[in-house]
Amino acid sequence: MVTVMKFGGTSVGSGERIRHVAKIVVNKKKEDDVVVVVSAMSEVTNALVDISQQALDVRDIAKVGDFIKFIKEKHYKAIEEAIKSEEIKEEVKVEEPKQEVKPPKKRRGRKPKNTEKGE
């Protein structure tokens, strides 16, 4: 039998909670095959919605940068709490991008060309 387990929100909201989820999965794996689905940590989905709206409304790249920093810090803290092996911690951390993130160029509204003949 296959058991599908889905975790998200507060159940994976911190490293401590992630360790707890891992124990649940390991115990279930002793009985059945397991498929695990994990969605965003607590606060992340709402933060994504908020920052995407702000980015569209005001195109404030500083706020986007602060948001990225918040998400990274939240996940790095969870890594520190959840994983005991230093070797594994280093494997799961993502390197900083080599180039600076730039704001998107503003689109200028253009009217489509009329391709109908006779006008």
Protein backbone atom coordinates (compact mmCIF):
# COMPACT_ATOMS: atom_id res chain seq x y z
CA MET A 1 0.00 0.00 0.00
CA VAL A 2 1.09 3.58 -0.67
CA THR A 3 0.33 6.36 1.78
CA VAL A 4 0.35 9.96 0.55
CA MET A 5 1.15 12.47 3.27
CA LYS A 6 0.83 16.24 2.78
CA PHE A 7 2.40 18.79 5.12
CA GLY A 8 2.46 22.57 4.98
CA GLY A 9 1.96 25.76 6.93
CA THR A 10 2.61 25.49 10.65
CA SER A 11 3.40 21.77 10.42
CA VAL A 12 6.59 22.74 8.55
CA GLY A 13 6.83 26.26 9.99
CA SER A 14 10.19 25.77 11.73
CA GLY A 15 13.12 23.40 11.78
CA GLU A 16 11.77 21.78 14.92
CA ARG A 17 8.41 21.15 13.22
CA ILE A 18 10.16 19.79 10.12
CA ARG A 19 12.07 17.30 12.31
CA HIS A 20 8.75 16.22 13.82
CA VAL A 21 7.26 15.70 10.34
CA ALA A 22 10.33 13.70 9.34
CA LYS A 23 9.81 11.39 12.32
CA ILE A 24 6.16 10.86 11.32
CA VAL A 25 7.22 9.98 7.77
CA VAL A 26 9.99 7.61 8.93
CA ASN A 27 7.56 5.80 11.25
CA LYS A 28 4.94 5.47 8.51
CA LYS A 29 7.61 4.22 6.09
CA LYS A 30 8.05 1.20 8.36
CA GLU A 31 4.49 0.14 7.48
CA ASP A 32 3.91 1.37 3.90
CA ASP A 33 5.50 3.03 0.92
CA VAL A 34 5.20 6.76 1.43
CA VAL A 35 4.80 9.72 -0.90
CA VAL A 36 5.33 13.07 0.82
CA VAL A 37 4.01 16.38 -0.48
CA VAL A 38 5.26 19.53 1.20
CA SER A 39 3.88 23.02 0.62
CA ALA A 40 5.14 26.35 1.92
CA MET A 41 6.23 27.03 5.47
CA SER A 42 3.91 29.13 7.63
CA GLU A 43 3.83 32.82 6.64
CA VAL A 44 5.43 32.17 3.25
CA THR A 45 2.32 31.87 1.05
CA ASN A 46 0.76 35.04 2.47
CA ALA A 47 4.08 36.84 2.14
CA LEU A 48 4.34 35.78 -1.52
CA VAL A 49 0.87 37.14 -2.23
CA ASP A 50 1.63 40.41 -0.43
CA ILE A 51 4.98 41.02 -2.11
CA SER A 52 3.67 40.16 -5.57
CA GLN A 53 0.89 42.72 -5.14
CA GLN A 54 3.34 45.34 -3.87
CA ALA A 55 5.70 44.62 -6.74
CA LEU A 56 2.89 45.18 -9.22
CA ASP A 57 1.54 48.28 -7.49
CA VAL A 58 4.67 50.24 -6.67
CA ARG A 59 7.54 48.32 -8.26
CA ASP A 60 9.59 48.88 -5.09
CA ILE A 61 12.67 46.74 -5.65
CA ALA A 62 13.89 47.42 -2.10
CA LYS A 63 10.77 45.75 -0.68
CA VAL A 64 11.30 42.80 -2.98
CA GLY A 65 14.90 42.56 -1.77
CA ASP A 66 13.73 42.66 1.86
CA PHE A 67 11.21 39.92 1.09
CA ILE A 68 13.88 37.70 -0.47
CA LYS A 69 16.06 38.25 2.59
CA PHE A 70 13.13 37.32 4.89
CA ILE A 71 12.45 34.09 2.97
CA LYS A 72 16.14 33.11 2.94
CA GLU A 73 16.57 33.78 6.65
CA LYS A 74 13.42 31.80 7.50
CA HIS A 75 14.60 28.80 5.48
CA TYR A 76 18.21 28.96 6.68
CA LYS A 77 16.99 29.07 10.27
CA ALA A 78 14.83 26.01 9.58
CA ILE A 79 17.85 24.23 8.07
CA GLU A 80 19.88 24.98 11.21
CA GLU A 81 17.10 23.66 13.47
CA ALA A 82 16.12 20.64 11.40
CA ILE A 83 19.43 19.22 10.21
CA LYS A 84 22.14 18.12 12.61
CA SER A 85 24.80 17.08 10.06
CA GLU A 86 26.99 20.00 8.99
CA GLU A 87 27.78 18.22 5.70
CA ILE A 88 24.09 17.93 4.80
CA LYS A 89 23.42 21.53 5.86
CA GLU A 90 26.02 22.73 3.37
CA GLU A 91 24.55 20.56 0.61
CA VAL A 92 21.07 22.04 0.95
CA LYS A 93 22.06 25.70 1.19
CA VAL A 94 21.84 27.66 -2.05
CA GLU A 95 24.66 29.91 -3.19
CA GLU A 96 24.03 33.61 -3.73
CA PRO A 97 23.37 34.57 -7.35
CA LYS A 98 26.41 35.85 -9.21
CA GLN A 99 24.64 38.89 -10.65
CA GLU A 100 22.52 41.61 -9.12
CA VAL A 101 18.75 41.33 -9.39
CA LYS A 102 17.41 44.27 -11.37
CA PRO A 103 13.87 45.62 -11.39
CA PRO A 104 11.75 44.74 -14.39
CA LYS A 105 11.57 47.33 -17.14
CA LYS A 106 8.36 49.28 -17.26
CA ARG A 107 6.12 48.28 -20.12
CA ARG A 108 4.81 51.00 -22.30
CA GLY A 109 1.30 50.63 -23.54
CA ARG A 110 1.30 50.26 -27.29
CA LYS A 111 -1.71 49.98 -29.42
CA PRO A 112 -1.64 47.01 -31.77
CA LYS A 113 -1.15 47.86 -35.40
CA ASN A 114 -4.24 47.55 -37.51
CA THR A 115 -3.45 44.95 -40.14
CA GLU A 116 -6.82 45.05 -41.87
CA LYS A 117 -6.75 46.39 -45.42
CA GLY A 118 -8.91 49.20 -46.64
CA GLU A 119 -8.50 51.57 -43.72
